[in-house]
ModelCIF file with pLDDT and N, C-alpha, C, O atoms, coordinates in Angstrom:
data_MODEL
#
_entry.id   MODEL 
#
_entity.id                         1 
_entity.type                       polymer 
_entity.pdbx_number_of_molecules   1 
#
_entity_poly.entity_id                      1 
_entity_poly.type                           'polypeptide(L)' 
_entity_poly.nstd_linkage                   no 
_entity_poly.nstd_monomer                   no 
_entity_poly.pdbx_seq_one_letter_code       LGTLCMVLNAVVIDPCKRWKGIWRWWSDDMLECCYSLEYVRKHGID 
_entity_poly.pdbx_seq_one_letter_code_can   LGTLCMVLNAVVIDPCKRWKGIWRWWSDDMLECCYSLEYVRKHGID 
_entity_poly.pdbx_strand_id                 A 
#
loop_
_entity_poly_seq.entity_id 
_entity_poly_seq.num 
_entity_poly_seq.mon_id 
_entity_poly_seq.hetero 
1 1  LEU n 
1 2  GLY n 
1 3  THR n 
1 4  LEU n 
1 5  CYS n 
1 6  MET n 
1 7  VAL n 
1 8  LEU n 
1 9  ASN n 
1 10 ALA n 
1 11 VAL n 
1 12 VAL n 
1 13 ILE n 
1 14 ASP n 
1 15 PRO n 
1 16 CYS n 
1 17 LYS n 
1 18 ARG n 
1 19 TRP n 
1 20 LYS n 
1 21 GLY n 
1 22 ILE n 
1 23 TRP n 
1 24 ARG n 
1 25 TRP n 
1 26 TRP n 
1 27 SER n 
1 28 ASP n 
1 29 ASP n 
1 30 MET n 
1 31 LEU n 
1 32 GLU n 
1 33 CYS n 
1 34 CYS n 
1 35 TYR n 
1 36 SER n 
1 37 LEU n 
1 38 GLU n 
1 39 TYR n 
1 40 VAL n 
1 41 ARG n 
1 42 LYS n 
1 43 HIS n 
1 44 GLY n 
1 45 ILE n 
1 46 ASP n 
#
_struct_asym.id          A 
_struct_asym.entity_id   1 
#
loop_
_ma_qa_metric.id 
_ma_qa_metric.mode 
_ma_qa_metric.name 
_ma_qa_metric.software_group_id 
_ma_qa_metric.type 
1 global pLDDT . pLDDT 
2 local  pLDDT . pLDDT 
#
_ma_qa_metric_global.metric_id      1 
_ma_qa_metric_global.metric_value   91.52 
_ma_qa_metric_global.model_id       1 
_ma_qa_metric_global.ordinal_id     1 
#
loop_
_ma_qa_metric_local.label_asym_id 
_ma_qa_metric_local.label_comp_id 
_ma_qa_metric_local.label_seq_id 
_ma_qa_metric_local.metric_id 
_ma_qa_metric_local.metric_value 
_ma_qa_metric_local.model_id 
_ma_qa_metric_local.ordinal_id 
A LEU 1  2 96.00 1 1  
A GLY 2  2 96.00 1 2  
A THR 3  2 97.00 1 3  
A LEU 4  2 96.00 1 4  
A CYS 5  2 96.00 1 5  
A MET 6  2 97.00 1 6  
A VAL 7  2 97.00 1 7  
A LEU 8  2 96.00 1 8  
A ASN 9  2 96.00 1 9  
A ALA 10 2 96.00 1 10 
A VAL 11 2 96.00 1 11 
A VAL 12 2 94.00 1 12 
A ILE 13 2 93.00 1 13 
A ASP 14 2 90.00 1 14 
A PRO 15 2 91.00 1 15 
A CYS 16 2 86.00 1 16 
A LYS 17 2 86.00 1 17 
A ARG 18 2 86.00 1 18 
A TRP 19 2 87.00 1 19 
A LYS 20 2 87.00 1 20 
A GLY 21 2 88.00 1 21 
A ILE 22 2 89.00 1 22 
A TRP 23 2 89.00 1 23 
A ARG 24 2 90.00 1 24 
A TRP 25 2 91.00 1 25 
A TRP 26 2 92.00 1 26 
A SER 27 2 92.00 1 27 
A ASP 28 2 90.00 1 28 
A ASP 29 2 89.00 1 29 
A MET 30 2 90.00 1 30 
A LEU 31 2 90.00 1 31 
A GLU 32 2 81.00 1 32 
A CYS 33 2 88.00 1 33 
A CYS 34 2 88.00 1 34 
A TYR 35 2 85.00 1 35 
A SER 36 2 91.00 1 36 
A LEU 37 2 92.00 1 37 
A GLU 38 2 93.00 1 38 
A TYR 39 2 92.00 1 39 
A VAL 40 2 93.00 1 40 
A ARG 41 2 93.00 1 41 
A LYS 42 2 94.00 1 42 
A HIS 43 2 92.00 1 43 
A GLY 44 2 91.00 1 44 
A ILE 45 2 93.00 1 45 
A ASP 46 2 95.00 1 46 
#
loop_
_atom_site.group_PDB 
_atom_site.id 
_atom_site.type_symbol 
_atom_site.label_atom_id 
_atom_site.label_alt_id 
_atom_site.label_comp_id 
_atom_site.label_asym_id 
_atom_site.label_entity_id 
_atom_site.label_seq_id 
_atom_site.pdbx_PDB_ins_code 
_atom_site.Cartn_x 
_atom_site.Cartn_y 
_atom_site.Cartn_z 
_atom_site.occupancy 
_atom_site.B_iso_or_equiv 
_atom_site.pdbx_formal_charge 
_atom_site.auth_seq_id 
_atom_site.auth_comp_id 
_atom_site.auth_asym_id 
_atom_site.auth_atom_id 
_atom_site.pdbx_PDB_model_num 
ATOM 1   N N  . LEU A 1 1  ? -0.772  7.598   2.608   1.00 96.00 ? 1  LEU A N  1 
ATOM 2   C CA . LEU A 1 1  ? -0.343  5.750   1.600   1.00 96.00 ? 1  LEU A CA 1 
ATOM 3   C C  . LEU A 1 1  ? -0.109  5.979   0.451   1.00 96.00 ? 1  LEU A C  1 
ATOM 4   O O  . LEU A 1 1  ? 0.668   5.376   -0.290  1.00 96.00 ? 1  LEU A O  1 
ATOM 5   N N  . GLY A 1 2  ? -0.955  7.126   0.160   1.00 96.00 ? 2  GLY A N  1 
ATOM 6   C CA . GLY A 1 2  ? -0.806  7.014   -1.596  1.00 96.00 ? 2  GLY A CA 1 
ATOM 7   C C  . GLY A 1 2  ? 0.636   7.957   -1.940  1.00 96.00 ? 2  GLY A C  1 
ATOM 8   O O  . GLY A 1 2  ? 0.643   8.217   -3.143  1.00 96.00 ? 2  GLY A O  1 
ATOM 9   N N  . THR A 1 3  ? 1.303   8.276   -1.547  1.00 97.00 ? 3  THR A N  1 
ATOM 10  C CA . THR A 1 3  ? 2.965   8.630   -1.192  1.00 97.00 ? 3  THR A CA 1 
ATOM 11  C C  . THR A 1 3  ? 3.346   7.452   -0.909  1.00 97.00 ? 3  THR A C  1 
ATOM 12  O O  . THR A 1 3  ? 4.282   7.142   -1.647  1.00 97.00 ? 3  THR A O  1 
ATOM 13  N N  . LEU A 1 4  ? 3.186   6.980   -0.492  1.00 96.00 ? 4  LEU A N  1 
ATOM 14  C CA . LEU A 1 4  ? 4.198   5.804   -0.347  1.00 96.00 ? 4  LEU A CA 1 
ATOM 15  C C  . LEU A 1 4  ? 3.997   5.024   -1.462  1.00 96.00 ? 4  LEU A C  1 
ATOM 16  O O  . LEU A 1 4  ? 4.963   4.977   -2.223  1.00 96.00 ? 4  LEU A O  1 
ATOM 17  N N  . CYS A 1 5  ? 2.719   4.207   -1.877  1.00 96.00 ? 5  CYS A N  1 
ATOM 18  C CA . CYS A 1 5  ? 2.113   3.901   -3.063  1.00 96.00 ? 5  CYS A CA 1 
ATOM 19  C C  . CYS A 1 5  ? 3.026   4.627   -3.950  1.00 96.00 ? 5  CYS A C  1 
ATOM 20  O O  . CYS A 1 5  ? 4.115   4.526   -3.385  1.00 96.00 ? 5  CYS A O  1 
ATOM 21  N N  . MET A 1 6  ? 3.134   5.084   -4.679  1.00 97.00 ? 6  MET A N  1 
ATOM 22  C CA . MET A 1 6  ? 3.545   5.543   -5.906  1.00 97.00 ? 6  MET A CA 1 
ATOM 23  C C  . MET A 1 6  ? 5.221   5.735   -5.622  1.00 97.00 ? 6  MET A C  1 
ATOM 24  O O  . MET A 1 6  ? 5.858   5.951   -6.652  1.00 97.00 ? 6  MET A O  1 
ATOM 25  N N  . VAL A 1 7  ? 6.055   5.681   -4.297  1.00 97.00 ? 7  VAL A N  1 
ATOM 26  C CA . VAL A 1 7  ? 7.286   5.981   -4.326  1.00 97.00 ? 7  VAL A CA 1 
ATOM 27  C C  . VAL A 1 7  ? 7.554   4.730   -4.787  1.00 97.00 ? 7  VAL A C  1 
ATOM 28  O O  . VAL A 1 7  ? 8.259   4.517   -5.773  1.00 97.00 ? 7  VAL A O  1 
ATOM 29  N N  . LEU A 1 8  ? 6.829   3.568   -3.873  1.00 96.00 ? 8  LEU A N  1 
ATOM 30  C CA . LEU A 1 8  ? 7.059   1.743   -4.266  1.00 96.00 ? 8  LEU A CA 1 
ATOM 31  C C  . LEU A 1 8  ? 7.200   1.490   -5.004  1.00 96.00 ? 8  LEU A C  1 
ATOM 32  O O  . LEU A 1 8  ? 8.341   1.045   -5.127  1.00 96.00 ? 8  LEU A O  1 
ATOM 33  N N  . ASN A 1 9  ? 6.136   1.441   -6.583  1.00 96.00 ? 9  ASN A N  1 
ATOM 34  C CA . ASN A 1 9  ? 5.911   1.640   -7.380  1.00 96.00 ? 9  ASN A CA 1 
ATOM 35  C C  . ASN A 1 9  ? 7.048   2.075   -8.509  1.00 96.00 ? 9  ASN A C  1 
ATOM 36  O O  . ASN A 1 9  ? 7.351   1.591   -9.600  1.00 96.00 ? 9  ASN A O  1 
ATOM 37  N N  . ALA A 1 10 ? 7.580   3.311   -7.680  1.00 96.00 ? 10 ALA A N  1 
ATOM 38  C CA . ALA A 1 10 ? 8.469   3.769   -8.625  1.00 96.00 ? 10 ALA A CA 1 
ATOM 39  C C  . ALA A 1 10 ? 9.879   3.427   -8.551  1.00 96.00 ? 10 ALA A C  1 
ATOM 40  O O  . ALA A 1 10 ? 10.773  3.467   -9.396  1.00 96.00 ? 10 ALA A O  1 
ATOM 41  N N  . VAL A 1 11 ? 9.850   3.024   -7.122  1.00 96.00 ? 11 VAL A N  1 
ATOM 42  C CA . VAL A 1 11 ? 11.490  2.026   -6.889  1.00 96.00 ? 11 VAL A CA 1 
ATOM 43  C C  . VAL A 1 11 ? 11.008  0.776   -7.197  1.00 96.00 ? 11 VAL A C  1 
ATOM 44  O O  . VAL A 1 11 ? 11.482  -0.027  -6.393  1.00 96.00 ? 11 VAL A O  1 
ATOM 45  N N  . VAL A 1 12 ? 10.393  0.327   -7.872  1.00 94.00 ? 12 VAL A N  1 
ATOM 46  C CA . VAL A 1 12 ? 9.619   -0.989  -7.936  1.00 94.00 ? 12 VAL A CA 1 
ATOM 47  C C  . VAL A 1 12 ? 10.829  -2.729  -7.343  1.00 94.00 ? 12 VAL A C  1 
ATOM 48  O O  . VAL A 1 12 ? 11.666  -3.619  -7.493  1.00 94.00 ? 12 VAL A O  1 
ATOM 49  N N  . ILE A 1 13 ? 9.706   -1.862  -6.560  1.00 93.00 ? 13 ILE A N  1 
ATOM 50  C CA . ILE A 1 13 ? 9.277   -3.488  -5.272  1.00 93.00 ? 13 ILE A CA 1 
ATOM 51  C C  . ILE A 1 13 ? 7.966   -3.834  -5.273  1.00 93.00 ? 13 ILE A C  1 
ATOM 52  O O  . ILE A 1 13 ? 6.832   -3.358  -5.331  1.00 93.00 ? 13 ILE A O  1 
ATOM 53  N N  . ASP A 1 14 ? 8.690   -5.055  -5.169  1.00 90.00 ? 14 ASP A N  1 
ATOM 54  C CA . ASP A 1 14 ? 7.422   -6.392  -5.718  1.00 90.00 ? 14 ASP A CA 1 
ATOM 55  C C  . ASP A 1 14 ? 6.976   -5.972  -4.157  1.00 90.00 ? 14 ASP A C  1 
ATOM 56  O O  . ASP A 1 14 ? 7.611   -5.657  -3.150  1.00 90.00 ? 14 ASP A O  1 
ATOM 57  N N  . PRO A 1 15 ? 5.356   -6.152  -4.522  1.00 91.00 ? 15 PRO A N  1 
ATOM 58  C CA . PRO A 1 15 ? 4.602   -5.988  -3.207  1.00 91.00 ? 15 PRO A CA 1 
ATOM 59  C C  . PRO A 1 15 ? 4.497   -7.708  -2.622  1.00 91.00 ? 15 PRO A C  1 
ATOM 60  O O  . PRO A 1 15 ? 4.266   -8.088  -1.474  1.00 91.00 ? 15 PRO A O  1 
ATOM 61  N N  . CYS A 1 16 ? 4.785   -8.624  -3.995  1.00 86.00 ? 16 CYS A N  1 
ATOM 62  C CA . CYS A 1 16 ? 4.693   -10.270 -3.413  1.00 86.00 ? 16 CYS A CA 1 
ATOM 63  C C  . CYS A 1 16 ? 3.169   -10.612 -3.073  1.00 86.00 ? 16 CYS A C  1 
ATOM 64  O O  . CYS A 1 16 ? 2.841   -11.693 -2.583  1.00 86.00 ? 16 CYS A O  1 
ATOM 65  N N  . LYS A 1 17 ? 2.795   -10.188 -3.201  1.00 86.00 ? 17 LYS A N  1 
ATOM 66  C CA . LYS A 1 17 ? 0.983   -10.270 -3.455  1.00 86.00 ? 17 LYS A CA 1 
ATOM 67  C C  . LYS A 1 17 ? 0.200   -9.807  -4.534  1.00 86.00 ? 17 LYS A C  1 
ATOM 68  O O  . LYS A 1 17 ? 0.163   -8.579  -4.466  1.00 86.00 ? 17 LYS A O  1 
ATOM 69  N N  . ARG A 1 18 ? -0.287  -10.128 -5.267  1.00 86.00 ? 18 ARG A N  1 
ATOM 70  C CA . ARG A 1 18 ? -1.439  -10.027 -6.358  1.00 86.00 ? 18 ARG A CA 1 
ATOM 71  C C  . ARG A 1 18 ? -1.927  -8.777  -5.931  1.00 86.00 ? 18 ARG A C  1 
ATOM 72  O O  . ARG A 1 18 ? -2.292  -8.624  -4.766  1.00 86.00 ? 18 ARG A O  1 
ATOM 73  N N  . TRP A 1 19 ? -1.985  -7.503  -7.094  1.00 87.00 ? 19 TRP A N  1 
ATOM 74  C CA . TRP A 1 19 ? -3.196  -6.174  -6.857  1.00 87.00 ? 19 TRP A CA 1 
ATOM 75  C C  . TRP A 1 19 ? -4.313  -6.757  -7.017  1.00 87.00 ? 19 TRP A C  1 
ATOM 76  O O  . TRP A 1 19 ? -5.109  -7.050  -6.125  1.00 87.00 ? 19 TRP A O  1 
ATOM 77  N N  . LYS A 1 20 ? -4.453  -7.015  -8.539  1.00 87.00 ? 20 LYS A N  1 
ATOM 78  C CA . LYS A 1 20 ? -5.378  -8.080  -8.800  1.00 87.00 ? 20 LYS A CA 1 
ATOM 79  C C  . LYS A 1 20 ? -5.397  -8.473  -10.667 1.00 87.00 ? 20 LYS A C  1 
ATOM 80  O O  . LYS A 1 20 ? -4.849  -7.951  -11.638 1.00 87.00 ? 20 LYS A O  1 
ATOM 81  N N  . GLY A 1 21 ? -6.382  -9.718  -10.474 1.00 88.00 ? 21 GLY A N  1 
ATOM 82  C CA . GLY A 1 21 ? -6.040  -10.639 -11.807 1.00 88.00 ? 21 GLY A CA 1 
ATOM 83  C C  . GLY A 1 21 ? -4.252  -11.410 -11.507 1.00 88.00 ? 21 GLY A C  1 
ATOM 84  O O  . GLY A 1 21 ? -4.215  -12.353 -10.717 1.00 88.00 ? 21 GLY A O  1 
ATOM 85  N N  . ILE A 1 22 ? -3.133  -11.025 -12.053 1.00 89.00 ? 22 ILE A N  1 
ATOM 86  C CA . ILE A 1 22 ? -2.266  -11.881 -11.978 1.00 89.00 ? 22 ILE A CA 1 
ATOM 87  C C  . ILE A 1 22 ? -0.651  -10.290 -11.273 1.00 89.00 ? 22 ILE A C  1 
ATOM 88  O O  . ILE A 1 22 ? 0.494   -10.354 -10.824 1.00 89.00 ? 22 ILE A O  1 
ATOM 89  N N  . TRP A 1 23 ? -1.508  -9.330  -11.570 1.00 89.00 ? 23 TRP A N  1 
ATOM 90  C CA . TRP A 1 23 ? -0.579  -8.204  -11.600 1.00 89.00 ? 23 TRP A CA 1 
ATOM 91  C C  . TRP A 1 23 ? -0.591  -7.833  -10.257 1.00 89.00 ? 23 TRP A C  1 
ATOM 92  O O  . TRP A 1 23 ? -1.715  -7.714  -9.769  1.00 89.00 ? 23 TRP A O  1 
ATOM 93  N N  . ARG A 1 24 ? 0.751   -7.532  -9.235  1.00 90.00 ? 24 ARG A N  1 
ATOM 94  C CA . ARG A 1 24 ? 2.041   -7.299  -8.612  1.00 90.00 ? 24 ARG A CA 1 
ATOM 95  C C  . ARG A 1 24 ? 2.004   -5.520  -8.360  1.00 90.00 ? 24 ARG A C  1 
ATOM 96  O O  . ARG A 1 24 ? 2.692   -4.778  -9.061  1.00 90.00 ? 24 ARG A O  1 
ATOM 97  N N  . TRP A 1 25 ? 1.523   -5.244  -7.776  1.00 91.00 ? 25 TRP A N  1 
ATOM 98  C CA . TRP A 1 25 ? 1.201   -3.683  -8.083  1.00 91.00 ? 25 TRP A CA 1 
ATOM 99  C C  . TRP A 1 25 ? 1.417   -2.783  -6.647  1.00 91.00 ? 25 TRP A C  1 
ATOM 100 O O  . TRP A 1 25 ? 1.673   -3.504  -5.682  1.00 91.00 ? 25 TRP A O  1 
ATOM 101 N N  . TRP A 1 26 ? 1.387   -2.060  -6.503  1.00 92.00 ? 26 TRP A N  1 
ATOM 102 C CA . TRP A 1 26 ? 0.976   -1.783  -4.891  1.00 92.00 ? 26 TRP A CA 1 
ATOM 103 C C  . TRP A 1 26 ? -0.200  -0.404  -4.011  1.00 92.00 ? 26 TRP A C  1 
ATOM 104 O O  . TRP A 1 26 ? 0.123   0.681   -3.526  1.00 92.00 ? 26 TRP A O  1 
ATOM 105 N N  . SER A 1 27 ? -1.643  -1.103  -4.120  1.00 92.00 ? 27 SER A N  1 
ATOM 106 C CA . SER A 1 27 ? -2.676  0.362   -4.304  1.00 92.00 ? 27 SER A CA 1 
ATOM 107 C C  . SER A 1 27 ? -2.355  0.026   -2.565  1.00 92.00 ? 27 SER A C  1 
ATOM 108 O O  . SER A 1 27 ? -1.420  -0.673  -2.176  1.00 92.00 ? 27 SER A O  1 
ATOM 109 N N  . ASP A 1 28 ? -3.399  0.725   -1.647  1.00 90.00 ? 28 ASP A N  1 
ATOM 110 C CA . ASP A 1 28 ? -3.192  2.060   -0.389  1.00 90.00 ? 28 ASP A CA 1 
ATOM 111 C C  . ASP A 1 28 ? -3.892  0.704   0.526   1.00 90.00 ? 28 ASP A C  1 
ATOM 112 O O  . ASP A 1 28 ? -3.536  0.330   1.644   1.00 90.00 ? 28 ASP A O  1 
ATOM 113 N N  . ASP A 1 29 ? -5.022  0.103   -0.363  1.00 89.00 ? 29 ASP A N  1 
ATOM 114 C CA . ASP A 1 29 ? -4.645  -1.217  0.643   1.00 89.00 ? 29 ASP A CA 1 
ATOM 115 C C  . ASP A 1 29 ? -3.737  -1.594  1.136   1.00 89.00 ? 29 ASP A C  1 
ATOM 116 O O  . ASP A 1 29 ? -3.490  -0.944  2.151   1.00 89.00 ? 29 ASP A O  1 
ATOM 117 N N  . MET A 1 30 ? -2.744  -2.709  0.850   1.00 90.00 ? 30 MET A N  1 
ATOM 118 C CA . MET A 1 30 ? -1.796  -2.915  1.425   1.00 90.00 ? 30 MET A CA 1 
ATOM 119 C C  . MET A 1 30 ? -0.839  -2.725  2.163   1.00 90.00 ? 30 MET A C  1 
ATOM 120 O O  . MET A 1 30 ? 0.101   -3.462  2.464   1.00 90.00 ? 30 MET A O  1 
ATOM 121 N N  . LEU A 1 31 ? -1.266  -1.029  2.651   1.00 90.00 ? 31 LEU A N  1 
ATOM 122 C CA . LEU A 1 31 ? -0.581  -1.120  3.628   1.00 90.00 ? 31 LEU A CA 1 
ATOM 123 C C  . LEU A 1 31 ? -0.827  -0.972  5.157   1.00 90.00 ? 31 LEU A C  1 
ATOM 124 O O  . LEU A 1 31 ? -0.953  0.167   5.606   1.00 90.00 ? 31 LEU A O  1 
ATOM 125 N N  . GLU A 1 32 ? -0.923  -2.329  6.206   1.00 81.00 ? 32 GLU A N  1 
ATOM 126 C CA . GLU A 1 32 ? -0.949  -2.596  6.142   1.00 81.00 ? 32 GLU A CA 1 
ATOM 127 C C  . GLU A 1 32 ? -0.323  -2.832  7.637   1.00 81.00 ? 32 GLU A C  1 
ATOM 128 O O  . GLU A 1 32 ? -0.814  -3.126  8.727   1.00 81.00 ? 32 GLU A O  1 
ATOM 129 N N  . CYS A 1 33 ? 0.762   -2.608  7.245   1.00 88.00 ? 33 CYS A N  1 
ATOM 130 C CA . CYS A 1 33 ? 1.766   -3.454  8.171   1.00 88.00 ? 33 CYS A CA 1 
ATOM 131 C C  . CYS A 1 33 ? 1.774   -3.050  9.784   1.00 88.00 ? 33 CYS A C  1 
ATOM 132 O O  . CYS A 1 33 ? 2.036   -3.912  10.623  1.00 88.00 ? 33 CYS A O  1 
ATOM 133 N N  . CYS A 1 34 ? 1.494   -1.789  10.128  1.00 88.00 ? 34 CYS A N  1 
ATOM 134 C CA . CYS A 1 34 ? 1.839   -1.355  11.113  1.00 88.00 ? 34 CYS A CA 1 
ATOM 135 C C  . CYS A 1 34 ? 0.389   -0.731  11.868  1.00 88.00 ? 34 CYS A C  1 
ATOM 136 O O  . CYS A 1 34 ? 0.117   -0.664  13.066  1.00 88.00 ? 34 CYS A O  1 
ATOM 137 N N  . TYR A 1 35 ? -0.378  -0.328  10.714  1.00 85.00 ? 35 TYR A N  1 
ATOM 138 C CA . TYR A 1 35 ? -1.881  -0.002  11.668  1.00 85.00 ? 35 TYR A CA 1 
ATOM 139 C C  . TYR A 1 35 ? -2.971  -0.577  10.831  1.00 85.00 ? 35 TYR A C  1 
ATOM 140 O O  . TYR A 1 35 ? -2.601  -0.692  9.663   1.00 85.00 ? 35 TYR A O  1 
ATOM 141 N N  . SER A 1 36 ? -4.232  -0.989  11.048  1.00 91.00 ? 36 SER A N  1 
ATOM 142 C CA . SER A 1 36 ? -5.348  -0.701  10.269  1.00 91.00 ? 36 SER A CA 1 
ATOM 143 C C  . SER A 1 36 ? -5.313  0.212   9.373   1.00 91.00 ? 36 SER A C  1 
ATOM 144 O O  . SER A 1 36 ? -4.639  1.233   9.507   1.00 91.00 ? 36 SER A O  1 
ATOM 145 N N  . LEU A 1 37 ? -6.257  -0.125  8.035   1.00 92.00 ? 37 LEU A N  1 
ATOM 146 C CA . LEU A 1 37 ? -7.149  0.717   7.331   1.00 92.00 ? 37 LEU A CA 1 
ATOM 147 C C  . LEU A 1 37 ? -8.022  1.155   8.111   1.00 92.00 ? 37 LEU A C  1 
ATOM 148 O O  . LEU A 1 37 ? -8.260  2.289   7.695   1.00 92.00 ? 37 LEU A O  1 
ATOM 149 N N  . GLU A 1 38 ? -8.720  0.934   9.089   1.00 93.00 ? 38 GLU A N  1 
ATOM 150 C CA . GLU A 1 38 ? -9.240  1.677   9.957   1.00 93.00 ? 38 GLU A CA 1 
ATOM 151 C C  . GLU A 1 38 ? -8.596  2.920   10.941  1.00 93.00 ? 38 GLU A C  1 
ATOM 152 O O  . GLU A 1 38 ? -8.971  4.092   10.902  1.00 93.00 ? 38 GLU A O  1 
ATOM 153 N N  . TYR A 1 39 ? -7.935  2.577   11.494  1.00 92.00 ? 39 TYR A N  1 
ATOM 154 C CA . TYR A 1 39 ? -6.923  3.583   12.187  1.00 92.00 ? 39 TYR A CA 1 
ATOM 155 C C  . TYR A 1 39 ? -6.383  4.639   10.654  1.00 92.00 ? 39 TYR A C  1 
ATOM 156 O O  . TYR A 1 39 ? -6.541  5.803   10.285  1.00 92.00 ? 39 TYR A O  1 
ATOM 157 N N  . VAL A 1 40 ? -6.006  3.960   10.370  1.00 93.00 ? 40 VAL A N  1 
ATOM 158 C CA . VAL A 1 40 ? -5.392  5.481   9.023   1.00 93.00 ? 40 VAL A CA 1 
ATOM 159 C C  . VAL A 1 40 ? -6.566  6.076   8.973   1.00 93.00 ? 40 VAL A C  1 
ATOM 160 O O  . VAL A 1 40 ? -6.788  7.231   9.338   1.00 93.00 ? 40 VAL A O  1 
ATOM 161 N N  . ARG A 1 41 ? -7.445  5.212   8.465   1.00 93.00 ? 41 ARG A N  1 
ATOM 162 C CA . ARG A 1 41 ? -8.978  6.550   8.176   1.00 93.00 ? 41 ARG A CA 1 
ATOM 163 C C  . ARG A 1 41 ? -9.539  7.519   9.015   1.00 93.00 ? 41 ARG A C  1 
ATOM 164 O O  . ARG A 1 41 ? -10.057 8.608   8.765   1.00 93.00 ? 41 ARG A O  1 
ATOM 165 N N  . LYS A 1 42 ? -9.297  6.793   10.264  1.00 94.00 ? 42 LYS A N  1 
ATOM 166 C CA . LYS A 1 42 ? -9.361  7.465   11.389  1.00 94.00 ? 42 LYS A CA 1 
ATOM 167 C C  . LYS A 1 42 ? -9.119  8.198   11.854  1.00 94.00 ? 42 LYS A C  1 
ATOM 168 O O  . LYS A 1 42 ? -10.023 8.916   12.280  1.00 94.00 ? 42 LYS A O  1 
ATOM 169 N N  . HIS A 1 43 ? -7.858  8.522   12.087  1.00 92.00 ? 43 HIS A N  1 
ATOM 170 C CA . HIS A 1 43 ? -6.657  9.615   12.440  1.00 92.00 ? 43 HIS A CA 1 
ATOM 171 C C  . HIS A 1 43 ? -5.988  9.981   11.280  1.00 92.00 ? 43 HIS A C  1 
ATOM 172 O O  . HIS A 1 43 ? -5.789  11.175  11.504  1.00 92.00 ? 43 HIS A O  1 
ATOM 173 N N  . GLY A 1 44 ? -5.322  9.661   9.763   1.00 91.00 ? 44 GLY A N  1 
ATOM 174 C CA . GLY A 1 44 ? -3.887  9.537   9.497   1.00 91.00 ? 44 GLY A CA 1 
ATOM 175 C C  . GLY A 1 44 ? -2.679  8.716   10.374  1.00 91.00 ? 44 GLY A C  1 
ATOM 176 O O  . GLY A 1 44 ? -2.775  8.018   11.383  1.00 91.00 ? 44 GLY A O  1 
ATOM 177 N N  . ILE A 1 45 ? -1.941  8.957   9.859   1.00 93.00 ? 45 ILE A N  1 
ATOM 178 C CA . ILE A 1 45 ? -0.815  8.897   9.913   1.00 93.00 ? 45 ILE A CA 1 
ATOM 179 C C  . ILE A 1 45 ? 0.291   10.076  10.587  1.00 93.00 ? 45 ILE A C  1 
ATOM 180 O O  . ILE A 1 45 ? 0.157   11.210  10.128  1.00 93.00 ? 45 ILE A O  1 
ATOM 181 N N  . ASP A 1 46 ? 1.302   9.889   11.578  1.00 95.00 ? 46 ASP A N  1 
ATOM 182 C CA . ASP A 1 46 ? 2.061   10.785  11.695  1.00 95.00 ? 46 ASP A CA 1 
ATOM 183 C C  . ASP A 1 46 ? 3.825   10.572  11.452  1.00 95.00 ? 46 ASP A C  1 
ATOM 184 O O  . ASP A 1 46 ? 4.587   11.530  11.583  1.00 95.00 ? 46 ASP A O  1 
#
């Protein structure tokens, strides 16, 4: 998730939602489209 956030921000993909305040910025807590964060916390991702 951390690696994906770094790359998503580097290639300037808009997350289409706010991170904090008015800023739209990728953070790992936004990456829940395939798996829940709880699942990733327990199992990681393959």
